[in-house]
Amino acid sequence: MKIKILESATDDLIGGYRFYEQQDAGLGTYFLDSLFADIDSLMVSPGLHSVHFGKHRLLAKRFPFAIYYTVDRRAILVCAVLDCRQDPGKISKRLK
């Protein structure tokens, strides 16, 4: 099974990188490394995570972010990587 990161999720990752890189040089790179490690872990347990707003949600280990994804027979589709500190209504609208 393959993992496919949709363009919208890639944009989320870039936004997170930029935010954390502004906080401290190198923190953005650490953010990406951490989130990609979390995404790679989906290969071990796809579909195991609880469903929120119609998507499986994996909480990132080191940052307050959630990885929203779906699973089909051929691939794990990462749809969004969102900051958990957002208004849940905004997250819900984004995932529809």
C-alpha atoms as a PDB file:
ATOM      1  CA  MET A   1       0.000   0.000   0.000  1.00  0.00           C
ATOM      2  CA  LYS A   2       1.234   3.496  -0.812  1.00  0.00           C
ATOM      3  CA  ILE A   3       0.804   6.799   0.947  1.00  0.00           C
ATOM      4  CA  LYS A   4      -0.310   9.709  -1.202  1.00  0.00           C
ATOM      5  CA  ILE A   5      -0.184  13.229   0.228  1.00  0.00           C
ATOM      6  CA  LEU A   6      -2.740  15.392  -1.522  1.00  0.00           C
ATOM      7  CA  GLU A   7      -1.836  18.916  -2.617  1.00  0.00           C
ATOM      8  CA  SER A   8      -4.005  20.436   0.101  1.00  0.00           C
ATOM      9  CA  ALA A   9      -2.071  18.504   2.778  1.00  0.00           C
ATOM     10  CA  THR A  10       1.228  19.506   1.184  1.00  0.00           C
ATOM     11  CA  ASP A  11       0.128  23.149   1.460  1.00  0.00           C
ATOM     12  CA  ASP A  12      -0.697  22.550   5.142  1.00  0.00           C
ATOM     13  CA  LEU A  13       2.780  21.112   5.743  1.00  0.00           C
ATOM     14  CA  ILE A  14       4.431  24.070   4.007  1.00  0.00           C
ATOM     15  CA  GLY A  15       2.378  26.485   6.115  1.00  0.00           C
ATOM     16  CA  GLY A  16       3.395  24.689   9.310  1.00  0.00           C
ATOM     17  CA  TYR A  17       7.029  24.693   8.216  1.00  0.00           C
ATOM     18  CA  ARG A  18       6.956  28.444   7.590  1.00  0.00           C
ATOM     19  CA  PHE A  19       5.280  29.150  10.927  1.00  0.00           C
ATOM     20  CA  TYR A  20       7.757  27.122  12.967  1.00  0.00           C
ATOM     21  CA  GLU A  21      10.756  28.312  10.987  1.00  0.00           C
ATOM     22  CA  GLN A  22       9.802  31.904  11.901  1.00  0.00           C
ATOM     23  CA  GLN A  23       9.736  30.894  15.567  1.00  0.00           C
ATOM     24  CA  ASP A  24      13.278  29.495  15.509  1.00  0.00           C
ATOM     25  CA  ALA A  25      15.682  28.624  12.687  1.00  0.00           C
ATOM     26  CA  GLY A  26      15.628  24.874  12.115  1.00  0.00           C
ATOM     27  CA  LEU A  27      12.348  24.283  13.933  1.00  0.00           C
ATOM     28  CA  GLY A  28      10.476  24.171  10.625  1.00  0.00           C
ATOM     29  CA  THR A  29      12.711  21.358   9.408  1.00  0.00           C
ATOM     30  CA  TYR A  30      12.166  19.493  12.684  1.00  0.00           C
ATOM     31  CA  PHE A  31       8.408  19.994  12.226  1.00  0.00           C
ATOM     32  CA  LEU A  32       8.507  18.436   8.750  1.00  0.00           C
ATOM     33  CA  ASP A  33      10.720  15.543   9.871  1.00  0.00           C
ATOM     34  CA  SER A  34       8.356  14.816  12.761  1.00  0.00           C
ATOM     35  CA  LEU A  35       5.185  15.026  10.688  1.00  0.00           C
ATOM     36  CA  PHE A  36       6.606  12.863   7.882  1.00  0.00           C
ATOM     37  CA  ALA A  37       7.595  10.247  10.488  1.00  0.00           C
ATOM     38  CA  ASP A  38       4.006  10.292  11.770  1.00  0.00           C
ATOM     39  CA  ILE A  39       2.663   9.987   8.220  1.00  0.00           C
ATOM     40  CA  ASP A  40       5.052   7.086   7.497  1.00  0.00           C
ATOM     41  CA  SER A  41       3.684   5.297  10.585  1.00  0.00           C
ATOM     42  CA  LEU A  42       0.363   4.979   8.741  1.00  0.00           C
ATOM     43  CA  MET A  43       1.917   2.124   6.768  1.00  0.00           C
ATOM     44  CA  VAL A  44       1.850   0.028   9.941  1.00  0.00           C
ATOM     45  CA  SER A  45      -1.697   0.819  11.032  1.00  0.00           C
ATOM     46  CA  PRO A  46      -3.853   2.331   8.277  1.00  0.00           C
ATOM     47  CA  GLY A  47      -7.444   2.919   9.330  1.00  0.00           C
ATOM     48  CA  LEU A  48      -6.758   2.201  12.999  1.00  0.00           C
ATOM     49  CA  HIS A  49      -7.338   5.791  14.123  1.00  0.00           C
ATOM     50  CA  SER A  50     -10.692   7.223  15.168  1.00  0.00           C
ATOM     51  CA  VAL A  51     -12.855   9.017  12.631  1.00  0.00           C
ATOM     52  CA  HIS A  52     -13.479  12.753  12.986  1.00  0.00           C
ATOM     53  CA  PHE A  53     -15.322  14.856  10.425  1.00  0.00           C
ATOM     54  CA  GLY A  54     -15.515  11.833   8.106  1.00  0.00           C
ATOM     55  CA  LYS A  55     -11.741  11.161   8.019  1.00  0.00           C
ATOM     56  CA  HIS A  56      -9.383   9.080  10.129  1.00  0.00           C
ATOM     57  CA  ARG A  57      -7.361  11.310  12.439  1.00  0.00           C
ATOM     58  CA  LEU A  58      -3.809  10.625  13.578  1.00  0.00           C
ATOM     59  CA  LEU A  59      -2.535  13.029  16.216  1.00  0.00           C
ATOM     60  CA  ALA A  60       1.073  14.058  15.643  1.00  0.00           C
ATOM     61  CA  LYS A  61       3.449  13.044  18.398  1.00  0.00           C
ATOM     62  CA  ARG A  62       5.536  16.216  18.773  1.00  0.00           C
ATOM     63  CA  PHE A  63       3.382  19.080  17.512  1.00  0.00           C
ATOM     64  CA  PRO A  64      -0.279  20.034  18.083  1.00  0.00           C
ATOM     65  CA  PHE A  65      -1.305  18.874  14.620  1.00  0.00           C
ATOM     66  CA  ALA A  66      -3.655  16.205  13.310  1.00  0.00           C
ATOM     67  CA  ILE A  67      -3.210  14.220  10.120  1.00  0.00           C
ATOM     68  CA  TYR A  68      -6.538  13.511   8.425  1.00  0.00           C
ATOM     69  CA  TYR A  69      -6.595  10.632   5.959  1.00  0.00           C
ATOM     70  CA  THR A  70      -8.707   8.036   4.175  1.00  0.00           C
ATOM     71  CA  VAL A  71      -7.861   4.483   3.180  1.00  0.00           C
ATOM     72  CA  ASP A  72      -8.854   2.615   0.062  1.00  0.00           C
ATOM     73  CA  ARG A  73      -7.599  -0.667  -1.381  1.00  0.00           C
ATOM     74  CA  ARG A  74      -4.640   0.902  -3.145  1.00  0.00           C
ATOM     75  CA  ALA A  75      -3.508   3.842  -1.042  1.00  0.00           C
ATOM     76  CA  ILE A  76      -3.622   5.898   2.111  1.00  0.00           C
ATOM     77  CA  LEU A  77      -4.685   9.409   1.097  1.00  0.00           C
ATOM     78  CA  VAL A  78      -3.507  12.186   3.414  1.00  0.00           C
ATOM     79  CA  CYS A  79      -6.132  14.903   2.931  1.00  0.00           C
ATOM     80  CA  ALA A  80      -5.094  17.516   5.487  1.00  0.00           C
ATOM     81  CA  VAL A  81      -2.540  18.272   8.198  1.00  0.00           C
ATOM     82  CA  LEU A  82      -4.208  20.759  10.510  1.00  0.00           C
ATOM     83  CA  ASP A  83      -3.333  22.619  13.681  1.00  0.00           C
ATOM     84  CA  CYS A  84      -5.504  21.228  16.500  1.00  0.00           C
ATOM     85  CA  ARG A  85      -5.679  24.669  18.098  1.00  0.00           C
ATOM     86  CA  GLN A  86      -8.078  25.866  15.383  1.00  0.00           C
ATOM     87  CA  ASP A  87     -11.802  26.254  15.844  1.00  0.00           C
ATOM     88  CA  PRO A  88     -13.380  22.795  15.269  1.00  0.00           C
ATOM     89  CA  GLY A  89     -15.938  24.435  12.978  1.00  0.00           C
ATOM     90  CA  LYS A  90     -13.152  25.629  10.711  1.00  0.00           C
ATOM     91  CA  ILE A  91     -11.642  22.135  10.645  1.00  0.00           C
ATOM     92  CA  SER A  92     -15.027  20.619   9.828  1.00  0.00           C
ATOM     93  CA  LYS A  93     -15.572  23.011   6.904  1.00  0.00           C
ATOM     94  CA  ARG A  94     -12.088  22.315   5.589  1.00  0.00           C
ATOM     95  CA  LEU A  95     -12.595  18.553   5.588  1.00  0.00           C
ATOM     96  CA  LYS A  96     -15.959  18.586   3.790  1.00  0.00           C
END
